Amino acid sequence: MPTPERTTTAEIIAAGRDLLEESGLAGLTMQSVAQRVGVRAPSLYKRVRDRDALIAAVAEATVADLIGRLEASDRSLESLAREYRAFAHDRPEAFRLLFGSAAPQESLDRAGRLIVHSAGELAGAEHALDAARLVTAWVTGFLHMELSGAFRMGGDVDAAFDYGLAAMRRGLAS
């Protein structure tokens, strides 16, 4: 009789996502995930080939989470940016993982298409991609600075974010 399964791929990925937030990418190891799900590390290899595959699975789940949030928004430029920001605040290490080689490009492109569509509604179809790149670069840069504590001159960071969104909307719509 075969040994009963003590964990699932979904549990492994969920544990990996939590460990990523708690310990950063360096803390996302096969051993730490195994401990979290209550098995010995060799048991994980039945479901996940190696650490790189684990990181890739965590990255895929991360992008799926982000896409779900973006798709649940009203898809306006402001709503997409606010959902992206909320995601970065909820899962800062996962947000950083999006910019590594583990992030699945096809899934990231799906998220990007939502932004291209919204930006195109403001800037026109001929400038949709350029406008989406502008929005994405500004919001991502803002978030990297915000998460790293780089806004040290005081003031209301939430108000600054809203100001930036309003300025982009005006600029793209003109």
Protein backbone atom coordinates (compact mmCIF):
# COMPACT_ATOMS: atom_id res chain seq x y z
CA MET A 1 0.00 0.00 0.00
CA PRO A 2 1.46 3.42 -0.97
CA THR A 3 2.27 5.98 1.69
CA PRO A 4 -0.48 8.62 2.03
CA GLU A 5 0.41 12.08 0.80
CA ARG A 6 1.14 14.47 3.65
CA THR A 7 1.14 17.70 1.66
CA THR A 8 0.00 19.12 -1.65
CA THR A 9 1.64 21.31 -4.24
CA ALA A 10 -0.76 24.11 -3.29
CA GLU A 11 0.28 23.85 0.38
CA ILE A 12 3.95 23.90 -0.63
CA ILE A 13 3.46 27.03 -2.74
CA ALA A 14 1.42 28.75 -0.02
CA ALA A 15 4.13 27.96 2.53
CA GLY A 16 6.74 29.26 0.10
CA ARG A 17 4.86 32.53 -0.37
CA ASP A 18 4.56 33.02 3.39
CA LEU A 19 8.23 32.20 3.98
CA LEU A 20 9.22 34.62 1.23
CA GLU A 21 7.47 37.42 3.11
CA GLU A 22 8.89 36.38 6.48
CA SER A 23 12.49 35.69 5.48
CA GLY A 24 13.08 37.07 1.99
CA LEU A 25 14.27 35.08 -0.97
CA ALA A 26 17.29 33.75 0.94
CA GLY A 27 14.94 32.20 3.50
CA LEU A 28 12.87 30.42 0.86
CA THR A 29 14.55 27.02 0.98
CA MET A 30 13.38 23.48 0.47
CA GLN A 31 14.14 22.78 4.13
CA SER A 32 12.17 25.77 5.42
CA VAL A 33 9.16 24.88 3.26
CA ALA A 34 9.32 21.24 4.34
CA GLN A 35 9.32 22.29 7.99
CA ARG A 36 6.39 24.63 7.38
CA VAL A 37 4.23 21.94 5.75
CA GLY A 38 5.28 19.22 8.20
CA VAL A 39 7.32 16.88 6.04
CA ARG A 40 10.98 16.10 5.53
CA ALA A 41 12.73 18.01 2.75
CA PRO A 42 13.21 14.95 0.48
CA SER A 43 9.41 14.56 0.38
CA LEU A 44 9.08 17.90 -1.40
CA TYR A 45 10.96 16.61 -4.41
CA LYS A 46 7.92 14.49 -5.30
CA ARG A 47 6.12 17.74 -6.08
CA VAL A 48 8.82 20.35 -6.73
CA ARG A 49 11.96 19.52 -8.74
CA ASP A 50 14.34 21.84 -6.86
CA ARG A 51 14.63 25.28 -5.27
CA ASP A 52 14.54 27.03 -8.65
CA ALA A 53 11.26 25.28 -9.44
CA LEU A 54 9.94 26.24 -6.01
CA ILE A 55 10.82 29.89 -6.62
CA ALA A 56 9.23 29.73 -10.08
CA ALA A 57 6.04 28.27 -8.59
CA VAL A 58 5.96 30.98 -5.92
CA ALA A 59 6.51 33.62 -8.62
CA GLU A 60 3.69 32.19 -10.73
CA ALA A 61 1.32 32.24 -7.74
CA THR A 62 2.44 35.79 -6.99
CA VAL A 63 1.62 36.99 -10.48
CA ALA A 64 -1.71 35.15 -10.40
CA ASP A 65 -2.53 36.97 -7.14
CA LEU A 66 -1.62 40.32 -8.69
CA ILE A 67 -3.65 39.61 -11.84
CA GLY A 68 -6.65 38.64 -9.74
CA ARG A 69 -6.45 41.92 -7.87
CA LEU A 70 -6.06 43.95 -11.05
CA GLU A 71 -8.93 42.15 -12.79
CA ALA A 72 -11.18 42.72 -9.77
CA SER A 73 -10.62 46.48 -9.96
CA ASP A 74 -12.73 48.79 -12.07
CA ARG A 75 -9.71 48.80 -14.44
CA SER A 76 -9.32 52.56 -14.47
CA LEU A 77 -5.74 53.79 -14.40
CA GLU A 78 -6.12 54.91 -10.79
CA SER A 79 -7.75 51.69 -9.65
CA LEU A 80 -5.07 49.53 -11.30
CA ALA A 81 -2.32 51.63 -9.72
CA ARG A 82 -3.94 51.46 -6.30
CA GLU A 83 -4.37 47.69 -6.53
CA TYR A 84 -0.73 47.34 -7.58
CA ARG A 85 0.27 49.49 -4.62
CA ALA A 86 -1.90 47.51 -2.21
CA PHE A 87 -0.36 44.30 -3.49
CA ALA A 88 3.16 45.71 -2.96
CA HIS A 89 2.27 46.69 0.61
CA ASP A 90 0.61 43.35 1.37
CA ARG A 91 3.42 41.28 -0.14
CA PRO A 92 6.58 43.41 -0.44
CA GLU A 93 8.96 40.49 -0.98
CA ALA A 94 6.66 39.00 -3.61
CA PHE A 95 6.50 42.43 -5.26
CA ARG A 96 10.31 42.42 -5.45
CA LEU A 97 10.24 38.88 -6.86
CA LEU A 98 8.23 40.16 -9.83
CA PHE A 99 11.38 41.85 -11.11
CA GLY A 100 13.59 38.77 -11.04
CA SER A 101 14.11 36.10 -13.64
CA ALA A 102 11.68 33.73 -11.90
CA ALA A 103 8.66 35.86 -12.77
CA PRO A 104 6.69 34.21 -15.61
CA GLN A 105 6.77 36.58 -18.57
CA GLU A 106 3.54 35.34 -20.14
CA SER A 107 1.62 36.02 -16.92
CA LEU A 108 3.29 39.40 -16.45
CA ASP A 109 2.26 40.26 -20.00
CA ARG A 110 -1.36 39.49 -19.07
CA ALA A 111 -1.14 42.00 -16.22
CA GLY A 112 0.55 44.45 -18.55
CA ARG A 113 -2.26 44.23 -21.09
CA LEU A 114 -4.70 45.48 -18.46
CA ILE A 115 -2.53 48.56 -17.98
CA VAL A 116 -2.03 49.06 -21.72
CA HIS A 117 -5.80 49.02 -22.23
CA SER A 118 -6.43 51.53 -19.44
CA ALA A 119 -3.60 53.82 -20.51
CA GLY A 120 -4.78 53.62 -24.11
CA GLU A 121 -8.21 54.88 -23.12
CA LEU A 122 -6.51 58.07 -21.94
CA ALA A 123 -3.65 58.48 -24.40
CA GLY A 124 -5.21 56.92 -27.49
CA ALA A 125 -4.49 53.59 -29.13
CA GLU A 126 -1.40 54.84 -30.95
CA HIS A 127 0.28 55.73 -27.62
CA ALA A 128 -1.19 52.99 -25.41
CA LEU A 129 2.02 51.00 -24.95
CA ASP A 130 4.14 54.10 -24.32
CA ALA A 131 1.59 55.41 -21.83
CA ALA A 132 1.42 52.04 -20.06
CA ARG A 133 5.22 51.99 -19.76
CA LEU A 134 5.18 55.48 -18.29
CA VAL A 135 2.53 54.55 -15.73
CA THR A 136 4.18 51.26 -14.82
CA ALA A 137 7.63 52.82 -14.47
CA TRP A 138 6.35 55.65 -12.29
CA VAL A 139 4.21 53.47 -10.03
CA THR A 140 6.90 50.79 -9.71
CA GLY A 141 9.57 53.37 -8.94
CA PHE A 142 7.32 55.06 -6.41
CA LEU A 143 6.66 51.71 -4.72
CA HIS A 144 10.32 50.71 -4.61
CA MET A 145 11.13 54.03 -2.96
CA GLU A 146 8.18 53.82 -0.59
CA LEU A 147 8.90 50.24 0.50
CA SER A 148 12.57 50.99 1.07
CA GLY A 149 11.79 54.05 3.21
CA ALA A 150 13.35 56.47 0.74
CA PHE A 151 10.71 59.18 1.19
CA ARG A 152 12.39 60.91 4.15
CA MET A 153 11.46 64.55 3.65
CA GLY A 154 8.12 64.31 5.39
CA GLY A 155 4.77 64.98 3.86
CA ASP A 156 1.91 62.65 3.15
CA VAL A 157 3.07 59.77 0.93
CA ASP A 158 -0.53 58.74 0.17
CA ALA A 159 -1.29 62.26 -1.00
CA ALA A 160 1.88 62.26 -3.12
CA PHE A 161 0.78 59.01 -4.76
CA ASP A 162 -2.65 60.46 -5.54
CA TYR A 163 -1.02 63.64 -6.85
CA GLY A 164 1.17 61.60 -9.18
CA LEU A 165 -1.78 59.61 -10.48
CA ALA A 166 -3.78 62.77 -11.13
CA ALA A 167 -0.82 64.36 -12.92
CA MET A 168 -0.39 61.29 -15.13
CA ARG A 169 -4.08 61.23 -15.95
CA ARG A 170 -3.95 64.89 -17.01
CA GLY A 171 -0.77 64.37 -19.00
CA LEU A 172 -1.97 61.26 -20.78
CA ALA A 173 -5.38 62.74 -21.58
CA SER A 174 -3.99 65.88 -23.20
